[in-house]
């Protein structure tokens, strides 16, 4: 059983993008669990991750980064952005958990 954490689902758990997302979350003090899957786009991965997260926040990484909240509709993520903004999106995912304003 995992503790409270944001769940990140991705196609490649060795991607350097994940290091940036993890850094953003850690800087805000929020833990992350990474799950590698075989298929899906960032939106599908993000929603599935949010539904699996005990904190209701999930991140999907494919050709972009998608931050989702489990209480939002599946097709309506909270945030999306290019891989180059991964660290900021990690910060903002953590801020959604903590309940402070987004960057």
N, C-alpha and C. Protein backbone atom coordinates (compact mmCIF):
# COMPACT_ATOMS: atom_id res chain seq x y z
N UNK A 1 0.84 -1.19 0.00
CA UNK A 1 0.00 0.00 0.00
C UNK A 1 0.88 1.25 0.00
N UNK A 2 0.56 2.20 -0.84
CA UNK A 2 1.35 3.43 -0.92
C UNK A 2 0.73 4.49 -0.02
N UNK A 3 1.59 5.40 0.45
CA UNK A 3 1.12 6.52 1.25
C UNK A 3 0.57 7.62 0.38
N UNK A 4 0.19 8.72 0.99
CA UNK A 4 -0.33 9.84 0.21
C UNK A 4 0.72 10.36 -0.76
N UNK A 5 0.34 10.47 -2.01
CA UNK A 5 1.28 10.95 -3.03
C UNK A 5 0.51 11.32 -4.29
N UNK A 6 1.11 12.23 -5.05
CA UNK A 6 0.64 12.49 -6.41
C UNK A 6 1.11 11.31 -7.25
N UNK A 7 0.27 10.82 -8.13
CA UNK A 7 0.64 9.71 -9.02
C UNK A 7 0.96 10.30 -10.39
N UNK A 8 2.05 9.83 -10.97
CA UNK A 8 2.44 10.23 -12.32
C UNK A 8 2.45 8.97 -13.18
N UNK A 9 1.73 9.01 -14.28
CA UNK A 9 1.73 7.90 -15.24
C UNK A 9 2.40 8.38 -16.51
N UNK A 10 3.31 7.56 -17.02
CA UNK A 10 4.09 7.96 -18.19
C UNK A 10 4.41 6.75 -19.06
N UNK A 11 4.89 7.02 -20.26
CA UNK A 11 5.28 5.96 -21.18
C UNK A 11 6.73 5.57 -20.99
N UNK A 12 7.55 6.45 -20.40
CA UNK A 12 8.98 6.19 -20.22
C UNK A 12 9.42 6.71 -18.85
N UNK A 13 9.58 5.81 -17.89
CA UNK A 13 9.95 6.19 -16.53
C UNK A 13 11.39 6.69 -16.43
N UNK A 14 12.17 6.57 -17.51
CA UNK A 14 13.56 7.04 -17.50
C UNK A 14 13.72 8.40 -18.17
N UNK A 15 12.62 8.99 -18.58
CA UNK A 15 12.67 10.28 -19.26
C UNK A 15 13.21 11.36 -18.32
N UNK A 16 14.10 12.23 -18.81
CA UNK A 16 14.61 13.33 -17.98
C UNK A 16 13.52 14.32 -17.56
N UNK A 17 12.41 14.32 -18.26
CA UNK A 17 11.28 15.19 -17.90
C UNK A 17 10.78 14.84 -16.50
N UNK A 18 10.79 13.56 -16.16
CA UNK A 18 10.31 13.15 -14.85
C UNK A 18 11.16 13.72 -13.73
N UNK A 19 12.46 13.86 -13.96
CA UNK A 19 13.34 14.46 -12.94
C UNK A 19 12.89 15.89 -12.64
N UNK A 20 12.51 16.63 -13.68
CA UNK A 20 12.06 18.01 -13.50
C UNK A 20 10.72 18.07 -12.76
N UNK A 21 9.80 17.20 -13.11
CA UNK A 21 8.50 17.16 -12.43
C UNK A 21 8.71 16.79 -10.97
N UNK A 22 9.52 15.77 -10.71
CA UNK A 22 9.80 15.34 -9.34
C UNK A 22 10.42 16.48 -8.53
N UNK A 23 11.34 17.22 -9.13
CA UNK A 23 11.98 18.35 -8.44
C UNK A 23 10.94 19.41 -8.07
N UNK A 24 10.04 19.71 -8.98
CA UNK A 24 9.00 20.68 -8.68
C UNK A 24 8.13 20.26 -7.51
N UNK A 25 7.75 19.00 -7.48
CA UNK A 25 6.93 18.48 -6.38
C UNK A 25 7.72 18.47 -5.07
N UNK A 26 8.97 18.02 -5.12
CA UNK A 26 9.78 17.94 -3.90
C UNK A 26 10.03 19.32 -3.31
N UNK A 27 10.21 20.32 -4.16
CA UNK A 27 10.43 21.68 -3.68
C UNK A 27 9.22 22.21 -2.93
N UNK A 28 8.06 21.65 -3.18
CA UNK A 28 6.84 22.02 -2.47
C UNK A 28 6.52 21.02 -1.35
N UNK A 29 7.34 19.97 -1.22
CA UNK A 29 7.16 19.01 -0.13
C UNK A 29 6.07 17.97 -0.35
N UNK A 30 5.77 17.66 -1.61
CA UNK A 30 4.71 16.69 -1.93
C UNK A 30 5.34 15.46 -2.59
N UNK A 31 5.07 14.25 -2.06
CA UNK A 31 5.65 13.03 -2.63
C UNK A 31 5.02 12.64 -3.96
N UNK A 32 5.78 11.84 -4.71
CA UNK A 32 5.37 11.40 -6.04
C UNK A 32 5.60 9.91 -6.19
N UNK A 33 4.66 9.25 -6.83
CA UNK A 33 4.79 7.84 -7.22
C UNK A 33 4.71 7.79 -8.73
N UNK A 34 5.67 7.13 -9.37
CA UNK A 34 5.73 7.04 -10.83
C UNK A 34 5.29 5.64 -11.27
N UNK A 35 4.41 5.60 -12.26
CA UNK A 35 3.96 4.34 -12.85
C UNK A 35 4.18 4.41 -14.35
N UNK A 36 4.93 3.46 -14.89
CA UNK A 36 5.14 3.39 -16.33
C UNK A 36 4.05 2.52 -16.93
N UNK A 37 3.46 2.99 -18.02
CA UNK A 37 2.42 2.24 -18.72
C UNK A 37 2.81 2.12 -20.19
N UNK A 38 2.10 1.29 -20.92
CA UNK A 38 2.50 1.01 -22.30
C UNK A 38 1.82 1.90 -23.34
N UNK A 39 0.72 2.57 -22.98
CA UNK A 39 0.04 3.40 -23.98
C UNK A 39 -0.82 4.46 -23.32
N UNK A 40 -1.18 5.46 -24.12
CA UNK A 40 -2.05 6.53 -23.66
C UNK A 40 -1.47 7.89 -23.96
N UNK A 41 -2.35 8.87 -24.10
CA UNK A 41 -1.87 10.24 -24.26
C UNK A 41 -1.83 10.90 -22.89
N UNK A 42 -1.28 12.10 -22.83
CA UNK A 42 -1.10 12.77 -21.54
C UNK A 42 -2.42 12.99 -20.81
N UNK A 43 -3.50 13.26 -21.54
CA UNK A 43 -4.80 13.50 -20.91
C UNK A 43 -5.33 12.24 -20.24
N UNK A 44 -5.29 11.13 -20.96
CA UNK A 44 -5.77 9.86 -20.42
C UNK A 44 -4.91 9.43 -19.23
N UNK A 45 -3.60 9.55 -19.38
CA UNK A 45 -2.68 9.17 -18.31
C UNK A 45 -2.88 10.05 -17.08
N UNK A 46 -3.07 11.35 -17.28
CA UNK A 46 -3.26 12.27 -16.16
C UNK A 46 -4.54 12.00 -15.39
N UNK A 47 -5.62 11.74 -16.10
CA UNK A 47 -6.89 11.46 -15.42
C UNK A 47 -6.81 10.15 -14.65
N UNK A 48 -6.24 9.12 -15.28
CA UNK A 48 -6.10 7.83 -14.59
C UNK A 48 -5.22 7.98 -13.35
N UNK A 49 -4.16 8.77 -13.47
CA UNK A 49 -3.26 8.99 -12.34
C UNK A 49 -3.99 9.70 -11.20
N UNK A 50 -4.79 10.71 -11.53
CA UNK A 50 -5.54 11.45 -10.51
C UNK A 50 -6.51 10.52 -9.78
N UNK A 51 -7.15 9.63 -10.52
CA UNK A 51 -8.09 8.69 -9.91
C UNK A 51 -7.39 7.69 -8.98
N UNK A 52 -6.12 7.39 -9.27
CA UNK A 52 -5.34 6.47 -8.44
C UNK A 52 -4.70 7.15 -7.23
N UNK A 53 -4.55 8.46 -7.29
CA UNK A 53 -3.86 9.20 -6.24
C UNK A 53 -4.75 9.40 -5.02
N UNK A 54 -4.21 9.12 -3.85
CA UNK A 54 -4.95 9.38 -2.61
C UNK A 54 -5.10 10.87 -2.36
N UNK A 55 -4.32 11.70 -3.06
CA UNK A 55 -4.40 13.15 -2.95
C UNK A 55 -5.27 13.76 -4.05
N UNK A 56 -5.83 12.92 -4.92
CA UNK A 56 -6.72 13.33 -6.02
C UNK A 56 -6.04 14.13 -7.12
N UNK A 57 -4.70 14.19 -7.13
CA UNK A 57 -3.98 14.91 -8.17
C UNK A 57 -3.07 13.93 -8.90
N UNK A 58 -3.15 13.95 -10.22
CA UNK A 58 -2.32 13.06 -11.03
C UNK A 58 -1.70 13.81 -12.18
N UNK A 59 -0.61 13.25 -12.69
CA UNK A 59 0.11 13.84 -13.80
C UNK A 59 0.29 12.79 -14.88
N UNK A 60 0.01 13.16 -16.11
CA UNK A 60 0.25 12.30 -17.26
C UNK A 60 1.34 12.90 -18.12
N UNK A 61 2.28 12.06 -18.54
CA UNK A 61 3.37 12.54 -19.39
C UNK A 61 3.44 11.65 -20.63
N UNK A 62 3.32 12.27 -21.79
CA UNK A 62 3.51 11.59 -23.08
C UNK A 62 4.22 12.61 -23.97
N UNK A 63 3.52 13.19 -24.92
CA UNK A 63 4.12 14.23 -25.75
C UNK A 63 3.97 15.61 -25.12
N UNK A 64 3.28 15.69 -24.00
CA UNK A 64 3.13 16.89 -23.20
C UNK A 64 2.87 16.48 -21.76
N UNK A 65 2.71 17.44 -20.87
CA UNK A 65 2.44 17.16 -19.46
C UNK A 65 1.01 17.61 -19.16
N UNK A 66 0.27 16.76 -18.49
CA UNK A 66 -1.12 17.05 -18.14
C UNK A 66 -1.30 16.82 -16.65
N UNK A 67 -1.71 17.87 -15.93
CA UNK A 67 -2.00 17.77 -14.50
C UNK A 67 -3.51 17.73 -14.36
N UNK A 68 -4.00 16.71 -13.67
CA UNK A 68 -5.44 16.50 -13.56
C UNK A 68 -5.84 16.36 -12.10
N UNK A 69 -7.08 16.72 -11.81
CA UNK A 69 -7.65 16.51 -10.48
C UNK A 69 -8.80 15.52 -10.64
N UNK A 70 -8.90 14.58 -9.72
CA UNK A 70 -9.89 13.51 -9.82
C UNK A 70 -11.33 14.02 -9.82
N UNK A 71 -11.57 15.20 -9.29
CA UNK A 71 -12.93 15.71 -9.22
C UNK A 71 -13.33 16.52 -10.46
N UNK A 72 -12.41 16.68 -11.39
CA UNK A 72 -12.72 17.36 -12.65
C UNK A 72 -13.17 16.32 -13.68
N UNK A 73 -13.94 16.72 -14.67
CA UNK A 73 -14.33 15.78 -15.73
C UNK A 73 -13.08 15.25 -16.46
N UNK A 74 -13.16 14.03 -16.95
CA UNK A 74 -12.01 13.36 -17.58
C UNK A 74 -11.39 14.20 -18.69
N UNK A 75 -12.18 14.88 -19.49
CA UNK A 75 -11.66 15.65 -20.61
C UNK A 75 -11.30 17.08 -20.26
N UNK A 76 -11.25 17.41 -18.98
CA UNK A 76 -11.01 18.79 -18.55
C UNK A 76 -9.89 18.85 -17.51
N UNK A 77 -8.64 18.69 -17.95
CA UNK A 77 -7.54 18.72 -16.99
C UNK A 77 -7.37 20.11 -16.36
N UNK A 78 -6.73 20.15 -15.22
CA UNK A 78 -6.48 21.42 -14.54
C UNK A 78 -5.43 22.23 -15.28
N UNK A 79 -4.36 21.57 -15.72
CA UNK A 79 -3.24 22.25 -16.39
C UNK A 79 -2.64 21.35 -17.45
N UNK A 80 -2.17 21.94 -18.52
CA UNK A 80 -1.39 21.21 -19.51
C UNK A 80 -0.27 22.11 -19.98
N UNK A 81 0.77 21.50 -20.51
CA UNK A 81 1.86 22.29 -21.03
C UNK A 81 2.90 21.44 -21.71
N UNK A 82 3.83 22.10 -22.39
CA UNK A 82 4.90 21.36 -23.08
C UNK A 82 5.87 20.74 -22.09
N UNK A 83 6.61 19.76 -22.56
CA UNK A 83 7.60 19.07 -21.73
C UNK A 83 8.62 20.06 -21.15
N UNK A 84 8.88 21.15 -21.86
CA UNK A 84 9.85 22.14 -21.39
C UNK A 84 9.39 22.87 -20.13
N UNK A 85 8.12 22.78 -19.79
CA UNK A 85 7.57 23.44 -18.58
C UNK A 85 7.32 22.43 -17.46
N UNK A 86 7.96 21.28 -17.53
CA UNK A 86 7.70 20.20 -16.59
C UNK A 86 7.90 20.60 -15.13
N UNK A 87 8.97 21.33 -14.82
CA UNK A 87 9.23 21.69 -13.43
C UNK A 87 8.13 22.59 -12.87
N UNK A 88 7.71 23.58 -13.64
CA UNK A 88 6.64 24.48 -13.19
C UNK A 88 5.34 23.71 -13.02
N UNK A 89 5.05 22.79 -13.93
CA UNK A 89 3.84 21.98 -13.81
C UNK A 89 3.91 21.07 -12.58
N UNK A 90 5.10 20.58 -12.25
CA UNK A 90 5.28 19.81 -11.02
C UNK A 90 5.01 20.67 -9.79
N UNK A 91 5.54 21.89 -9.79
CA UNK A 91 5.26 22.83 -8.70
C UNK A 91 3.75 23.05 -8.56
N UNK A 92 3.10 23.30 -9.68
CA UNK A 92 1.67 23.60 -9.63
C UNK A 92 0.83 22.40 -9.22
N UNK A 93 1.23 21.21 -9.61
CA UNK A 93 0.53 20.01 -9.14
C UNK A 93 0.61 19.93 -7.62
N UNK A 94 1.80 20.18 -7.08
CA UNK A 94 1.98 20.15 -5.63
C UNK A 94 1.15 21.25 -4.96
N UNK A 95 1.10 22.42 -5.57
CA UNK A 95 0.34 23.53 -5.01
C UNK A 95 -1.15 23.24 -5.02
N UNK A 96 -1.63 22.46 -5.98
CA UNK A 96 -3.03 22.05 -5.97
C UNK A 96 -3.32 21.18 -4.75
N UNK A 97 -2.37 20.31 -4.41
CA UNK A 97 -2.52 19.44 -3.25
C UNK A 97 -2.54 20.26 -1.97
N UNK A 98 -1.59 21.18 -1.86
CA UNK A 98 -1.41 21.96 -0.64
C UNK A 98 -2.49 23.04 -0.49
N UNK A 99 -3.02 23.49 -1.62
CA UNK A 99 -4.08 24.50 -1.58
C UNK A 99 -3.55 25.92 -1.56
N UNK A 100 -2.42 26.15 -2.23
CA UNK A 100 -1.88 27.50 -2.32
C UNK A 100 -1.90 27.94 -3.79
N UNK A 101 -1.82 29.26 -4.04
CA UNK A 101 -1.93 29.75 -5.42
C UNK A 101 -0.88 29.12 -6.36
N UNK A 102 -1.29 28.91 -7.59
CA UNK A 102 -0.41 28.34 -8.60
C UNK A 102 0.59 29.38 -9.07
N UNK A 103 1.73 28.89 -9.58
CA UNK A 103 2.76 29.78 -10.12
C UNK A 103 2.37 30.22 -11.51
